[in-house]
Amino acid sequence: MRCANPQQAAVNGMSRIRDRPDPVVGKNSSEIESPDKNKVGILTFILSEAGFFAVLLLAYLLFYARPQPGPGPKELDVQRTLVFSVCLFASSFYFLGDPRLR
């Protein structure tokens, strides 16, 4: 609702909207920095891989708890899976420890 008369607008409560000051974020806009895009990208990648791995583990536990007909967890080569898991974790820790990403 637009009012041409400012006094009528004040009566209707519209002056509060126009008189509201801008929010103060900092003294200077140069103080606000965006996060490093490389760090955000690597963190997003690592979190997506960790989420995918967690889903695989949950699926394994679900099928282990409720056996289904057909191949089951007994056919899984645990030692081979352990090697692959260690490689996956090592690659994640390598990215986290890289000083260029800090």
PDB file of N, CA and C in Angstrom:
ATOM      1  N   MET A   1       0.850  -1.183   0.000  1.00  0.00           N
ATOM      2  CA  MET A   1       0.000   0.000   0.000  1.00  0.00           C
ATOM      3  C   MET A   1       0.887   1.235   0.000  1.00  0.00           C
ATOM      4  N   ARG A   2       0.806   2.041  -1.020  1.00  0.00           N
ATOM      5  CA  ARG A   2       1.613   3.255  -1.146  1.00  0.00           C
ATOM      6  C   ARG A   2       0.774   4.452  -0.724  1.00  0.00           C
ATOM      7  N   CYS A   3       1.413   5.320   0.034  1.00  0.00           N
ATOM      8  CA  CYS A   3       0.746   6.548   0.449  1.00  0.00           C
ATOM      9  C   CYS A   3       1.553   7.731  -0.067  1.00  0.00           C
ATOM     10  N   ALA A   4       0.881   8.675  -0.686  1.00  0.00           N
ATOM     11  CA  ALA A   4       1.558   9.854  -1.213  1.00  0.00           C
ATOM     12  C   ALA A   4       1.912  10.826  -0.097  1.00  0.00           C
ATOM     13  N   ASN A   5       1.142  10.825   0.960  1.00  0.00           N
ATOM     14  CA  ASN A   5       1.348  11.736   2.070  1.00  0.00           C
ATOM     15  C   ASN A   5       2.230  11.059   3.130  1.00  0.00           C
ATOM     16  N   PRO A   6       3.439  11.611   3.471  1.00  0.00           N
ATOM     17  CA  PRO A   6       4.311  10.972   4.464  1.00  0.00           C
ATOM     18  C   PRO A   6       3.683  10.923   5.853  1.00  0.00           C
ATOM     19  N   GLN A   7       2.866  11.894   6.204  1.00  0.00           N
ATOM     20  CA  GLN A   7       2.238  11.876   7.518  1.00  0.00           C
ATOM     21  C   GLN A   7       1.235  10.733   7.605  1.00  0.00           C
ATOM     22  N   GLN A   8       0.514  10.505   6.523  1.00  0.00           N
ATOM     23  CA  GLN A   8      -0.442   9.407   6.511  1.00  0.00           C
ATOM     24  C   GLN A   8       0.309   8.072   6.545  1.00  0.00           C
ATOM     25  N   ALA A   9       1.468   8.001   5.890  1.00  0.00           N
ATOM     26  CA  ALA A   9       2.266   6.787   5.903  1.00  0.00           C
ATOM     27  C   ALA A   9       2.759   6.489   7.308  1.00  0.00           C
ATOM     28  N   ALA A  10       3.136   7.520   8.046  1.00  0.00           N
ATOM     29  CA  ALA A  10       3.592   7.321   9.427  1.00  0.00           C
ATOM     30  C   ALA A  10       2.462   6.796  10.287  1.00  0.00           C
ATOM     31  N   VAL A  11       1.279   7.281  10.050  1.00  0.00           N
ATOM     32  CA  VAL A  11       0.118   6.814  10.804  1.00  0.00           C
ATOM     33  C   VAL A  11      -0.147   5.348  10.483  1.00  0.00           C
ATOM     34  N   ASN A  12      -0.007   4.974   9.243  1.00  0.00           N
ATOM     35  CA  ASN A  12      -0.277   3.598   8.830  1.00  0.00           C
ATOM     36  C   ASN A  12       0.862   2.632   9.195  1.00  0.00           C
ATOM     37  N   GLY A  13       1.979   3.130   9.717  1.00  0.00           N
ATOM     38  CA  GLY A  13       3.078   2.264  10.122  1.00  0.00           C
ATOM     39  C   GLY A  13       4.117   2.033   9.042  1.00  0.00           C
ATOM     40  N   MET A  14       4.009   2.707   7.919  1.00  0.00           N
ATOM     41  CA  MET A  14       4.945   2.494   6.831  1.00  0.00           C
ATOM     42  C   MET A  14       6.257   3.233   7.037  1.00  0.00           C
ATOM     43  N   SER A  15       6.296   4.197   7.924  1.00  0.00           N
ATOM     44  CA  SER A  15       7.537   4.941   8.132  1.00  0.00           C
ATOM     45  C   SER A  15       8.594   4.064   8.788  1.00  0.00           C
ATOM     46  N   ARG A  16       8.180   3.040   9.497  1.00  0.00           N
ATOM     47  CA  ARG A  16       9.153   2.151  10.133  1.00  0.00           C
ATOM     48  C   ARG A  16       9.987   1.433   9.085  1.00  0.00           C
ATOM     49  N   ILE A  17       9.397   1.108   7.973  1.00  0.00           N
ATOM     50  CA  ILE A  17      10.117   0.402   6.920  1.00  0.00           C
ATOM     51  C   ILE A  17      11.145   1.321   6.282  1.00  0.00           C
ATOM     52  N   ARG A  18      10.780   2.559   6.007  1.00  0.00           N
ATOM     53  CA  ARG A  18      11.695   3.494   5.345  1.00  0.00           C
ATOM     54  C   ARG A  18      12.766   4.014   6.292  1.00  0.00           C
ATOM     55  N   ASP A  19      12.491   4.103   7.588  1.00  0.00           N
ATOM     56  CA  ASP A  19      13.433   4.688   8.540  1.00  0.00           C
ATOM     57  C   ASP A  19      14.389   3.664   9.138  1.00  0.00           C
ATOM     58  N   ARG A  20      14.243   2.408   8.784  1.00  0.00           N
ATOM     59  CA  ARG A  20      15.081   1.360   9.359  1.00  0.00           C
ATOM     60  C   ARG A  20      16.507   1.498   8.812  1.00  0.00           C
ATOM     61  N   PRO A  21      17.534   1.524   9.690  1.00  0.00           N
ATOM     62  CA  PRO A  21      18.918   1.637   9.191  1.00  0.00           C
ATOM     63  C   PRO A  21      19.395   0.319   8.592  1.00  0.00           C
ATOM     64  N   ASP A  22      20.398   0.428   7.754  1.00  0.00           N
ATOM     65  CA  ASP A  22      21.007  -0.772   7.184  1.00  0.00           C
ATOM     66  C   ASP A  22      21.694  -1.572   8.283  1.00  0.00           C
ATOM     67  N   PRO A  23      21.697  -2.897   8.175  1.00  0.00           N
ATOM     68  CA  PRO A  23      22.385  -3.695   9.198  1.00  0.00           C
ATOM     69  C   PRO A  23      23.890  -3.455   9.135  1.00  0.00           C
ATOM     70  N   VAL A  24      24.520  -3.429  10.291  1.00  0.00           N
ATOM     71  CA  VAL A  24      25.958  -3.211  10.372  1.00  0.00           C
ATOM     72  C   VAL A  24      26.639  -4.563  10.370  1.00  0.00           C
ATOM     73  N   VAL A  25      27.449  -4.825   9.349  1.00  0.00           N
ATOM     74  CA  VAL A  25      28.159  -6.092   9.243  1.00  0.00           C
ATOM     75  C   VAL A  25      29.580  -5.931   9.751  1.00  0.00           C
ATOM     76  N   GLY A  26      30.194  -4.856   9.428  1.00  0.00           N
ATOM     77  CA  GLY A  26      31.560  -4.564   9.843  1.00  0.00           C
ATOM     78  C   GLY A  26      31.822  -3.090   9.617  1.00  0.00           C
ATOM     79  N   LYS A  27      32.976  -2.644  10.071  1.00  0.00           N
ATOM     80  CA  LYS A  27      33.324  -1.244   9.886  1.00  0.00           C
ATOM     81  C   LYS A  27      33.557  -0.928   8.417  1.00  0.00           C
ATOM     82  N   ASN A  28      34.026  -1.934   7.717  1.00  0.00           N
ATOM     83  CA  ASN A  28      34.451  -1.721   6.349  1.00  0.00           C
ATOM     84  C   ASN A  28      34.108  -2.966   5.551  1.00  0.00           C
ATOM     85  N   SER A  29      33.667  -2.796   4.330  1.00  0.00           N
ATOM     86  CA  SER A  29      33.311  -3.975   3.540  1.00  0.00           C
ATOM     87  C   SER A  29      34.534  -4.792   3.168  1.00  0.00           C
ATOM     88  N   SER A  30      35.744  -4.228   3.247  1.00  0.00           N
ATOM     89  CA  SER A  30      36.949  -4.993   2.925  1.00  0.00           C
ATOM     90  C   SER A  30      37.283  -6.002   4.017  1.00  0.00           C
ATOM     91  N   GLU A  31      36.670  -5.872   5.206  1.00  0.00           N
ATOM     92  CA  GLU A  31      36.907  -6.827   6.290  1.00  0.00           C
ATOM     93  C   GLU A  31      36.216  -8.165   6.020  1.00  0.00           C
ATOM     94  N   ILE A  32      35.217  -8.179   5.178  1.00  0.00           N
ATOM     95  CA  ILE A  32      34.470  -9.388   4.889  1.00  0.00           C
ATOM     96  C   ILE A  32      35.187 -10.136   3.773  1.00  0.00           C
ATOM     97  N   GLU A  33      35.634 -11.355   4.069  1.00  0.00           N
ATOM     98  CA  GLU A  33      36.362 -12.145   3.075  1.00  0.00           C
ATOM     99  C   GLU A  33      35.575 -13.395   2.726  1.00  0.00           C
ATOM    100  N   SER A  34      35.597 -13.749   1.472  1.00  0.00           N
ATOM    101  CA  SER A  34      34.960 -14.995   1.071  1.00  0.00           C
ATOM    102  C   SER A  34      35.946 -16.143   1.307  1.00  0.00           C
ATOM    103  N   PRO A  35      35.448 -17.347   1.557  1.00  0.00           N
ATOM    104  CA  PRO A  35      36.351 -18.479   1.796  1.00  0.00           C
ATOM    105  C   PRO A  35      37.140 -18.829   0.535  1.00  0.00           C
ATOM    106  N   ASP A  36      38.291 -19.443   0.742  1.00  0.00           N
ATOM    107  CA  ASP A  36      39.137 -19.859  -0.370  1.00  0.00           C
ATOM    108  C   ASP A  36      38.412 -20.934  -1.174  1.00  0.00           C
ATOM    109  N   LYS A  37      38.294 -20.711  -2.483  1.00  0.00           N
ATOM    110  CA  LYS A  37      37.536 -21.638  -3.332  1.00  0.00           C
ATOM    111  C   LYS A  37      38.198 -23.009  -3.398  1.00  0.00           C
ATOM    112  N   ASN A  38      39.523 -23.056  -3.357  1.00  0.00           N
ATOM    113  CA  ASN A  38      40.214 -24.347  -3.392  1.00  0.00           C
ATOM    114  C   ASN A  38      39.913 -25.173  -2.148  1.00  0.00           C
ATOM    115  N   LYS A  39      39.950 -24.531  -0.985  1.00  0.00           N
ATOM    116  CA  LYS A  39      39.654 -25.248   0.263  1.00  0.00           C
ATOM    117  C   LYS A  39      38.216 -25.746   0.289  1.00  0.00           C
ATOM    118  N   VAL A  40      37.305 -24.908  -0.158  1.00  0.00           N
ATOM    119  CA  VAL A  40      35.888 -25.296  -0.185  1.00  0.00           C
ATOM    120  C   VAL A  40      35.684 -26.458  -1.150  1.00  0.00           C
ATOM    121  N   GLY A  41      36.346 -26.424  -2.298  1.00  0.00           N
ATOM    122  CA  GLY A  41      36.214 -27.500  -3.278  1.00  0.00           C
ATOM    123  C   GLY A  41      36.738 -28.824  -2.758  1.00  0.00           C
ATOM    124  N   ILE A  42      37.931 -28.804  -2.165  1.00  0.00           N
ATOM    125  CA  ILE A  42      38.519 -30.037  -1.630  1.00  0.00           C
ATOM    126  C   ILE A  42      37.681 -30.558  -0.467  1.00  0.00           C
ATOM    127  N   LEU A  43      37.243 -29.667   0.410  1.00  0.00           N
ATOM    128  CA  LEU A  43      36.416 -30.096   1.542  1.00  0.00           C
ATOM    129  C   LEU A  43      35.106 -30.704   1.055  1.00  0.00           C
ATOM    130  N   THR A  44      34.511 -30.118   0.041  1.00  0.00           N
ATOM    131  CA  THR A  44      33.275 -30.667  -0.518  1.00  0.00           C
ATOM    132  C   THR A  44      33.513 -32.047  -1.114  1.00  0.00           C
ATOM    133  N   PHE A  45      34.629 -32.193  -1.832  1.00  0.00           N
ATOM    134  CA  PHE A  45      34.961 -33.491  -2.415  1.00  0.00           C
ATOM    135  C   PHE A  45      35.174 -34.544  -1.334  1.00  0.00           C
ATOM    136  N   ILE A  46      35.932 -34.215  -0.303  1.00  0.00           N
ATOM    137  CA  ILE A  46      36.214 -35.179   0.766  1.00  0.00           C
ATOM    138  C   ILE A  46      34.929 -35.550   1.499  1.00  0.00           C
ATOM    139  N   LEU A  47      34.092 -34.571   1.770  1.00  0.00           N
ATOM    140  CA  LEU A  47      32.831 -34.868   2.465  1.00  0.00           C
ATOM    141  C   LEU A  47      31.900 -35.714   1.604  1.00  0.00           C
ATOM    142  N   SER A  48      31.895 -35.480   0.306  1.00  0.00           N
ATOM    143  CA  SER A  48      31.037 -36.296  -0.563  1.00  0.00           C
ATOM    144  C   SER A  48      31.551 -37.736  -0.619  1.00  0.00           C
ATOM    145  N   GLU A  49      32.866 -37.915  -0.668  1.00  0.00           N
ATOM    146  CA  GLU A  49      33.441 -39.263  -0.662  1.00  0.00           C
ATOM    147  C   GLU A  49      33.181 -39.960   0.668  1.00  0.00           C
ATOM    148  N   ALA A  50      33.310 -39.221   1.766  1.00  0.00           N
ATOM    149  CA  ALA A  50      33.045 -39.811   3.083  1.00  0.00           C
ATOM    150  C   ALA A  50      31.572 -40.218   3.206  1.00  0.00           C
ATOM    151  N   GLY A  51      30.681 -39.389   2.680  1.00  0.00           N
ATOM    152  CA  GLY A  51      29.259 -39.739   2.704  1.00  0.00           C
ATOM    153  C   GLY A  51      28.963 -40.973   1.877  1.00  0.00           C
ATOM    154  N   PHE A  52      29.579 -41.069   0.701  1.00  0.00           N
ATOM    155  CA  PHE A  52      29.394 -42.237  -0.155  1.00  0.00           C
ATOM    156  C   PHE A  52      29.914 -43.494   0.540  1.00  0.00           C
ATOM    157  N   PHE A  53      31.074 -43.391   1.171  1.00  0.00           N
ATOM    158  CA  PHE A  53      31.644 -44.531   1.875  1.00  0.00           C
ATOM    159  C   PHE A  53      30.753 -44.937   3.056  1.00  0.00           C
ATOM    160  N   ALA A  54      30.193 -43.959   3.758  1.00  0.00           N
ATOM    161  CA  ALA A  54      29.291 -44.263   4.876  1.00  0.00           C
ATOM    162  C   ALA A  54      28.041 -44.996   4.384  1.00  0.00           C
ATOM    163  N   VAL A  55      27.529 -44.606   3.226  1.00  0.00           N
ATOM    164  CA  VAL A  55      26.360 -45.293   2.658  1.00  0.00           C
ATOM    165  C   VAL A  55      26.718 -46.740   2.319  1.00  0.00           C
ATOM    166  N   LEU A  56      27.916 -46.948   1.772  1.00  0.00           N
ATOM    167  CA  LEU A  56      28.344 -48.324   1.478  1.00  0.00           C
ATOM    168  C   LEU A  56      28.436 -49.162   2.752  1.00  0.00           C
ATOM    169  N   LEU A  57      28.997 -48.589   3.802  1.00  0.00           N
ATOM    170  CA  LEU A  57      29.088 -49.321   5.071  1.00  0.00           C
ATOM    171  C   LEU A  57      27.708 -49.616   5.646  1.00  0.00           C
ATOM    172  N   LEU A  58      26.813 -48.647   5.583  1.00  0.00           N
ATOM    173  CA  LEU A  58      25.461 -48.873   6.093  1.00  0.00           C
ATOM    174  C   LEU A  58      24.730 -49.946   5.292  1.00  0.00           C
ATOM    175  N   ALA A  59      24.921 -49.945   3.979  1.00  0.00           N
ATOM    176  CA  ALA A  59      24.305 -50.987   3.159  1.00  0.00           C
ATOM    177  C   ALA A  59      24.859 -52.355   3.520  1.00  0.00           C
ATOM    178  N   TYR A  60      26.164 -52.425   3.729  1.00  0.00           N
ATOM    179  CA  TYR A  60      26.776 -53.692   4.125  1.00  0.00           C
ATOM    180  C   TYR A  60      26.188 -54.174   5.452  1.00  0.00           C
ATOM    181  N   LEU A  61      26.092 -53.270   6.427  1.00  0.00           N
ATOM    182  CA  LEU A  61      25.550 -53.664   7.731  1.00  0.00           C
ATOM    183  C   LEU A  61      24.085 -54.058   7.633  1.00  0.00           C
ATOM    184  N   LEU A  62      23.321 -53.376   6.815  1.00  0.00           N
ATOM    185  CA  LEU A  62      21.914 -53.719   6.647  1.00  0.00           C
ATOM    186  C   LEU A  62      21.757 -55.123   6.057  1.00  0.00           C
ATOM    187  N   PHE A  63      22.515 -55.409   5.006  1.00  0.00           N
ATOM    188  CA  PHE A  63      22.408 -56.716   4.379  1.00  0.00           C
ATOM    189  C   PHE A  63      23.033 -57.817   5.233  1.00  0.00           C
ATOM    190  N   TYR A  64      23.961 -57.441   6.100  1.00  0.00           N
ATOM    191  CA  TYR A  64      24.537 -58.428   7.014  1.00  0.00           C
ATOM    192  C   TYR A  64      23.535 -58.786   8.114  1.00  0.00           C
ATOM    193  N   ALA A  65      22.776 -57.789   8.580  1.00  0.00           N
ATOM    194  CA  ALA A  65      21.803 -58.016   9.646  1.00  0.00           C
ATOM    195  C   ALA A  65      20.570 -58.769   9.142  1.00  0.00           C
ATOM    196  N   ARG A  66      20.171 -58.529   7.899  1.00  0.00           N
ATOM    197  CA  ARG A  66      18.996 -59.187   7.311  1.00  0.00           C
ATOM    198  C   ARG A  66      19.420 -59.916   6.038  1.00  0.00           C
ATOM    199  N   PRO A  67      19.815 -61.145   6.169  1.00  0.00           N
ATOM    200  CA  PRO A  67      20.302 -61.881   4.990  1.00  0.00           C
ATOM    201  C   PRO A  67      19.226 -61.978   3.903  1.00  0.00           C
ATOM    202  N   GLN A  68      19.669 -61.833   2.675  1.00  0.00           N
ATOM    203  CA  GLN A  68      18.809 -61.930   1.504  1.00  0.00           C
ATOM    204  C   GLN A  68      19.260 -63.141   0.687  1.00  0.00           C
ATOM    205  N   PRO A  69      18.393 -63.678  -0.150  1.00  0.00           N
ATOM    206  CA  PRO A  69      18.840 -64.772  -1.015  1.00  0.00           C
ATOM    207  C   PRO A  69      19.866 -64.262  -2.034  1.00  0.00           C
ATOM    208  N   GLY A  70      20.821 -65.109  -2.374  1.00  0.00           N
ATOM    209  CA  GLY A  70      21.856 -64.727  -3.329  1.00  0.00           C
ATOM    210  C   GLY A  70      23.186 -64.492  -2.640  1.00  0.00           C
ATOM    211  N   PRO A  71      24.136 -63.898  -3.324  1.00  0.00           N
ATOM    212  CA  PRO A  71      25.448 -63.673  -2.710  1.00  0.00           C
ATOM    213  C   PRO A  71      25.326 -62.764  -1.497  1.00  0.00           C
ATOM    214  N   GLY A  72      26.078 -63.063  -0.487  1.00  0.00           N
ATOM    215  CA  GLY A  72      26.019 -62.293   0.746  1.00  0.00           C
ATOM    216  C   GLY A  72      27.384 -61.804   1.171  1.00  0.00           C
ATOM    217  N   PRO A  73      27.478 -61.300   2.385  1.00  0.00           N
ATOM    218  CA  PRO A  73      28.742 -60.744   2.854  1.00  0.00           C
ATOM    219  C   PRO A  73      29.853 -61.777   3.008  1.00  0.00           C
ATOM    220  N   LYS A  74      29.507 -63.040   3.069  1.00  0.00           N
ATOM    221  CA  LYS A  74      30.536 -64.068   3.204  1.00  0.00           C
ATOM    222  C   LYS A  74      31.401 -64.156   1.945  1.00  0.00           C
ATOM    223  N   GLU A  75      30.872 -63.716   0.816  1.00  0.00           N
ATOM    224  CA  GLU A  75      31.645 -63.715  -0.422  1.00  0.00           C
ATOM    225  C   GLU A  75      32.570 -62.498  -0.529  1.00  0.00           C
ATOM    226  N   LEU A  76      32.451 -61.552   0.404  1.00  0.00           N
ATOM    227  CA  LEU A  76      33.275 -60.350   0.395  1.00  0.00           C
ATOM    228  C   LEU A  76      34.675 -60.683   0.898  1.00  0.00           C
ATOM    229  N   ASP A  77      35.667 -60.281   0.138  1.00  0.00           N
ATOM    230  CA  ASP A  77      37.051 -60.472   0.548  1.00  0.00           C
ATOM    231  C   ASP A  77      37.421 -59.309   1.477  1.00  0.00           C
ATOM    232  N   VAL A  78      37.409 -59.560   2.777  1.00  0.00           N
ATOM    233  CA  VAL A  78      37.598 -58.507   3.771  1.00  0.00           C
ATOM    234  C   VAL A  78      38.989 -57.894   3.670  1.00  0.00           C
ATOM    235  N   GLN A  79      40.010 -58.720   3.444  1.00  0.00           N
ATOM    236  CA  GLN A  79      41.367 -58.181   3.363  1.00  0.00           C
ATOM    237  C   GLN A  79      41.519 -57.236   2.168  1.00  0.00           C
ATOM    238  N   ARG A  80      40.971 -57.610   1.047  1.00  0.00           N
ATOM    239  CA  ARG A  80      41.045 -56.758  -0.137  1.00  0.00           C
ATOM    240  C   ARG A  80      40.270 -55.461   0.101  1.00  0.00           C
ATOM    241  N   THR A  81      39.104 -55.565   0.714  1.00  0.00           N
ATOM    242  CA  THR A  81      38.310 -54.384   1.021  1.00  0.00           C
ATOM    243  C   THR A  81      39.043 -53.474   2.006  1.00  0.00           C
ATOM    244  N   LEU A  82      39.749 -54.064   2.957  1.00  0.00           N
ATOM    245  CA  LEU A  82      40.525 -53.288   3.917  1.00  0.00           C
ATOM    246  C   LEU A  82      41.629 -52.502   3.215  1.00  0.00           C
ATOM    247  N   VAL A  83      42.299 -53.113   2.262  1.00  0.00           N
ATOM    248  CA  VAL A  83      43.353 -52.421   1.513  1.00  0.00           C
ATOM    249  C   VAL A  83      42.769 -51.231   0.762  1.00  0.00           C
ATOM    250  N   PHE A  84      41.636 -51.431   0.101  1.00  0.00           N
ATOM    251  CA  PHE A  84      41.003 -50.334  -0.632  1.00  0.00           C
ATOM    252  C   PHE A  84      40.567 -49.219   0.320  1.00  0.00           C
ATOM    253  N   SER A  85      40.063 -49.591   1.492  1.00  0.00           N
ATOM    254  CA  SER A  85      39.624 -48.587   2.468  1.00  0.00           C
ATOM    255  C   SER A  85      40.812 -47.776   2.977  1.00  0.00           C
ATOM    256  N   VAL A  86      41.927 -48.444   3.249  1.00  0.00           N
ATOM    257  CA  VAL A  86      43.122 -47.743   3.714  1.00  0.00           C
ATOM    258  C   VAL A  86      43.604 -46.765   2.638  1.00  0.00           C
ATOM    259  N   CYS A  87      43.577 -47.179   1.385  1.00  0.00           N
ATOM    260  CA  CYS A  87      43.977 -46.279   0.291  1.00  0.00           C
ATOM    261  C   CYS A  87      43.047 -45.065   0.215  1.00  0.00           C
ATOM    262  N   LEU A  88      41.758 -45.293   0.395  1.00  0.00           N
ATOM    263  CA  LEU A  88      40.803 -44.191   0.358  1.00  0.00           C
ATOM    264  C   LEU A  88      41.068 -43.206   1.489  1.00  0.00           C
ATOM    265  N   PHE A  89      41.260 -43.718   2.713  1.00  0.00           N
ATOM    266  CA  PHE A  89      41.527 -42.838   3.845  1.00  0.00           C
ATOM    267  C   PHE A  89      42.859 -42.115   3.679  1.00  0.00           C
ATOM    268  N   ALA A  90      43.878 -42.807   3.165  1.00  0.00           N
ATOM    269  CA  ALA A  90      45.190 -42.188   2.977  1.00  0.00           C
ATOM    270  C   ALA A  90      45.109 -41.034   1.981  1.00  0.00           C
ATOM    271  N   SER A  91      44.334 -41.206   0.917  1.00  0.00           N
ATOM    272  CA  SER A  91      44.208 -40.115  -0.049  1.00  0.00           C
ATOM    273  C   SER A  91      43.509 -38.917   0.578  1.00  0.00           C
ATOM    274  N   SER A  92      42.528 -39.157   1.433  1.00  0.00           N
ATOM    275  CA  SER A  92      41.843 -38.053   2.106  1.00  0.00           C
ATOM    276  C   SER A  92      42.791 -37.326   3.043  1.00  0.00           C
ATOM    277  N   PHE A  93      43.585 -38.076   3.807  1.00  0.00           N
ATOM    278  CA  PHE A  93      44.531 -37.442   4.723  1.00  0.00           C
ATOM    279  C   PHE A  93      45.639 -36.725   3.965  1.00  0.00           C
ATOM    280  N   TYR A  94      45.993 -37.211   2.795  1.00  0.00           N
ATOM    281  CA  TYR A  94      46.995 -36.526   1.972  1.00  0.00           C
ATOM    282  C   TYR A  94      46.489 -35.143   1.568  1.00  0.00           C
ATOM    283  N   PHE A  95      45.232 -35.067   1.131  1.00  0.00           N
ATOM    284  CA  PHE A  95      44.671 -33.781   0.744  1.00  0.00           C
ATOM    285  C   PHE A  95      44.568 -32.845   1.939  1.00  0.00           C
ATOM    286  N   LEU A  96      44.222 -33.386   3.102  1.00  0.00           N
ATOM    287  CA  LEU A  96      44.089 -32.536   4.296  1.00  0.00           C
ATOM    288  C   LEU A  96      45.443 -32.017   4.763  1.00  0.00           C
ATOM    289  N   GLY A  97      46.504 -32.796   4.545  1.00  0.00           N
ATOM    290  CA  GLY A  97      47.828 -32.393   5.016  1.00  0.00           C
ATOM    291  C   GLY A  97      48.615 -31.566   4.015  1.00  0.00           C
ATOM    292  N   ASP A  98      48.085 -31.324   2.848  1.00  0.00           N
ATOM    293  CA  ASP A  98      48.818 -30.577   1.822  1.00  0.00           C
ATOM    294  C   ASP A  98      48.914 -29.096   2.238  1.00  0.00           C
ATOM    295  N   PRO A  99      50.126 -28.574   2.430  1.00  0.00           N
ATOM    296  CA  PRO A  99      50.260 -27.190   2.880  1.00  0.00           C
ATOM    297  C   PRO A  99      49.783 -26.160   1.847  1.00  0.00           C
ATOM    298  N   ARG A 100      49.713 -26.537   0.577  1.00  0.00           N
ATOM    299  CA  ARG A 100      49.223 -25.593  -0.441  1.00  0.00           C
ATOM    300  C   ARG A 100      47.743 -25.301  -0.267  1.00  0.00           C
ATOM    301  N   LEU A 101      47.034 -26.156   0.452  1.00  0.00           N
ATOM    302  CA  LEU A 101      45.590 -25.972   0.625  1.00  0.00           C
ATOM    303  C   LEU A 101      45.260 -25.171   1.871  1.00  0.00           C
ATOM    304  N   ARG A 102      46.248 -24.730   2.561  1.00  0.00           N
ATOM    305  CA  ARG A 102      45.998 -23.945   3.793  1.00  0.00           C
ATOM    306  C   ARG A 102      46.099 -22.495   3.542  1.00  0.00           C
TER     307      ARG A 102
END
